[in-house]
């Protein structure tokens, strides 16, 4: 989730109809954190949720989900992530 480039929460809020839901699931992996030429801001989950709420969303569901990445069930190497899941709803009336 790239929060600065494109201002993701604000863009989603703008295009979502009132009462609409944003479902988000994914690990907080920051693909650009070690790249010198790429801007990367690594926010903790609590800060992500704070920004989503400040944008105007109501968080109605949160949990952690185990997810596997490029898994080969025959291999002893299994890449597993604990992913953050949330459902954010755009209120019917602006807050």
C-alpha atoms as a PDB file:
ATOM      1  CA  UNK A   1       0.000   0.000   0.000  1.00  0.00           C
ATOM      2  CA  UNK A   2       1.690   3.196  -1.105  1.00  0.00           C
ATOM      3  CA  UNK A   3       0.298   5.977   1.052  1.00  0.00           C
ATOM      4  CA  UNK A   4       2.172   9.041  -0.147  1.00  0.00           C
ATOM      5  CA  UNK A   5       2.376   8.476  -3.904  1.00  0.00           C
ATOM      6  CA  UNK A   6      -1.216   8.827  -5.072  1.00  0.00           C
ATOM      7  CA  UNK A   7      -2.612   9.314  -1.551  1.00  0.00           C
ATOM      8  CA  UNK A   8      -4.361   5.950  -1.621  1.00  0.00           C
ATOM      9  CA  UNK A   9      -6.895   6.410   1.225  1.00  0.00           C
ATOM     10  CA  UNK A  10      -8.062   9.782  -0.131  1.00  0.00           C
ATOM     11  CA  UNK A  11      -8.384   8.424  -3.665  1.00  0.00           C
ATOM     12  CA  UNK A  12     -10.424   5.435  -2.488  1.00  0.00           C
ATOM     13  CA  UNK A  13     -12.595   7.699  -0.319  1.00  0.00           C
ATOM     14  CA  UNK A  14     -13.251  10.045  -3.244  1.00  0.00           C
ATOM     15  CA  UNK A  15     -14.323   7.332  -5.718  1.00  0.00           C
ATOM     16  CA  UNK A  16     -16.300   5.170  -3.272  1.00  0.00           C
ATOM     17  CA  UNK A  17     -20.039   5.777  -2.983  1.00  0.00           C
ATOM     18  CA  UNK A  18     -21.417   6.609   0.488  1.00  0.00           C
ATOM     19  CA  UNK A  19     -21.950   3.334   2.359  1.00  0.00           C
ATOM     20  CA  UNK A  20     -19.350   1.580   0.179  1.00  0.00           C
ATOM     21  CA  UNK A  21     -16.641  -0.655   1.655  1.00  0.00           C
ATOM     22  CA  UNK A  22     -12.889  -0.780   1.140  1.00  0.00           C
ATOM     23  CA  UNK A  23     -11.599  -4.276   1.908  1.00  0.00           C
ATOM     24  CA  UNK A  24      -7.841  -4.413   2.353  1.00  0.00           C
ATOM     25  CA  UNK A  25      -5.690  -7.460   3.019  1.00  0.00           C
ATOM     26  CA  UNK A  26      -1.960  -7.712   2.782  1.00  0.00           C
ATOM     27  CA  UNK A  27       1.295  -7.802   4.644  1.00  0.00           C
ATOM     28  CA  UNK A  28       3.057  -4.549   5.378  1.00  0.00           C
ATOM     29  CA  UNK A  29       5.935  -5.416   3.106  1.00  0.00           C
ATOM     30  CA  UNK A  30       7.737  -2.408   1.793  1.00  0.00           C
ATOM     31  CA  UNK A  31       9.202  -3.332  -1.577  1.00  0.00           C
ATOM     32  CA  UNK A  32      11.170  -0.128  -2.013  1.00  0.00           C
ATOM     33  CA  UNK A  33      12.683   0.201   1.467  1.00  0.00           C
ATOM     34  CA  UNK A  34      16.196  -0.796   0.371  1.00  0.00           C
ATOM     35  CA  UNK A  35      16.189   1.019  -2.981  1.00  0.00           C
ATOM     36  CA  UNK A  36      18.159   4.260  -2.885  1.00  0.00           C
ATOM     37  CA  UNK A  37      16.355   5.811  -5.883  1.00  0.00           C
ATOM     38  CA  UNK A  38      12.832   5.034  -4.616  1.00  0.00           C
ATOM     39  CA  UNK A  39      10.933   6.891  -1.913  1.00  0.00           C
ATOM     40  CA  UNK A  40       9.559   4.556   0.725  1.00  0.00           C
ATOM     41  CA  UNK A  41       7.739   5.301   3.953  1.00  0.00           C
ATOM     42  CA  UNK A  42       7.302   2.282   6.208  1.00  0.00           C
ATOM     43  CA  UNK A  43       4.293   2.918   8.423  1.00  0.00           C
ATOM     44  CA  UNK A  44       3.296   0.595  11.256  1.00  0.00           C
ATOM     45  CA  UNK A  45      -0.209  -0.871  11.018  1.00  0.00           C
ATOM     46  CA  UNK A  46      -1.536   1.382  13.780  1.00  0.00           C
ATOM     47  CA  UNK A  47      -0.494   4.454  11.790  1.00  0.00           C
ATOM     48  CA  UNK A  48      -2.084   3.059   8.617  1.00  0.00           C
ATOM     49  CA  UNK A  49      -5.403   2.646  10.464  1.00  0.00           C
ATOM     50  CA  UNK A  50      -5.093   6.131  11.972  1.00  0.00           C
ATOM     51  CA  UNK A  51      -4.652   7.639   8.486  1.00  0.00           C
ATOM     52  CA  UNK A  52      -7.595   5.644   7.117  1.00  0.00           C
ATOM     53  CA  UNK A  53      -9.790   6.955   9.963  1.00  0.00           C
ATOM     54  CA  UNK A  54      -8.557  10.536   9.489  1.00  0.00           C
ATOM     55  CA  UNK A  55      -9.541  10.278   5.829  1.00  0.00           C
ATOM     56  CA  UNK A  56     -13.143   9.794   6.988  1.00  0.00           C
ATOM     57  CA  UNK A  57     -13.584   6.027   6.920  1.00  0.00           C
ATOM     58  CA  UNK A  58     -15.157   3.998   9.718  1.00  0.00           C
ATOM     59  CA  UNK A  59     -13.269   0.775  10.487  1.00  0.00           C
ATOM     60  CA  UNK A  60     -15.937  -1.912  10.926  1.00  0.00           C
ATOM     61  CA  UNK A  61     -13.798  -5.061  10.868  1.00  0.00           C
ATOM     62  CA  UNK A  62     -10.143  -5.844  11.590  1.00  0.00           C
ATOM     63  CA  UNK A  63      -8.265  -9.119  11.856  1.00  0.00           C
ATOM     64  CA  UNK A  64      -5.041 -10.885  10.994  1.00  0.00           C
ATOM     65  CA  UNK A  65      -4.987 -13.450   8.197  1.00  0.00           C
ATOM     66  CA  UNK A  66      -2.270 -16.005   7.473  1.00  0.00           C
ATOM     67  CA  UNK A  67      -1.316 -15.937   3.800  1.00  0.00           C
ATOM     68  CA  UNK A  68       1.247 -17.882   1.804  1.00  0.00           C
ATOM     69  CA  UNK A  69       3.378 -16.428  -0.968  1.00  0.00           C
ATOM     70  CA  UNK A  70       4.658 -18.367  -3.998  1.00  0.00           C
ATOM     71  CA  UNK A  71       4.080 -21.609  -2.165  1.00  0.00           C
ATOM     72  CA  UNK A  72       5.149 -25.015  -3.376  1.00  0.00           C
ATOM     73  CA  UNK A  73       3.406 -27.526  -1.128  1.00  0.00           C
ATOM     74  CA  UNK A  74       6.097 -30.118  -1.956  1.00  0.00           C
ATOM     75  CA  UNK A  75       8.881 -27.844  -0.722  1.00  0.00           C
ATOM     76  CA  UNK A  76      10.149 -27.515   2.828  1.00  0.00           C
ATOM     77  CA  UNK A  77      10.438 -23.760   2.243  1.00  0.00           C
ATOM     78  CA  UNK A  78       7.099 -22.061   2.874  1.00  0.00           C
ATOM     79  CA  UNK A  79       6.854 -18.259   2.809  1.00  0.00           C
ATOM     80  CA  UNK A  80       4.086 -17.243   5.179  1.00  0.00           C
ATOM     81  CA  UNK A  81       2.879 -13.749   6.037  1.00  0.00           C
ATOM     82  CA  UNK A  82       0.610 -12.524   8.770  1.00  0.00           C
ATOM     83  CA  UNK A  83      -1.524 -10.071   6.835  1.00  0.00           C
ATOM     84  CA  UNK A  84      -3.535  -7.191   8.186  1.00  0.00           C
ATOM     85  CA  UNK A  85      -7.165  -7.236   7.094  1.00  0.00           C
ATOM     86  CA  UNK A  86      -9.585  -4.385   7.549  1.00  0.00           C
ATOM     87  CA  UNK A  87     -12.934  -3.266   6.215  1.00  0.00           C
ATOM     88  CA  UNK A  88     -13.349   0.491   6.056  1.00  0.00           C
ATOM     89  CA  UNK A  89     -16.752   1.971   5.228  1.00  0.00           C
ATOM     90  CA  UNK A  90     -17.397   5.411   3.786  1.00  0.00           C
ATOM     91  CA  UNK A  91     -20.175   6.900   5.935  1.00  0.00           C
ATOM     92  CA  UNK A  92     -23.524   7.711   4.350  1.00  0.00           C
ATOM     93  CA  UNK A  93     -23.021  11.314   5.500  1.00  0.00           C
ATOM     94  CA  UNK A  94     -19.603  13.008   5.853  1.00  0.00           C
ATOM     95  CA  UNK A  95     -18.367  13.230   9.438  1.00  0.00           C
END
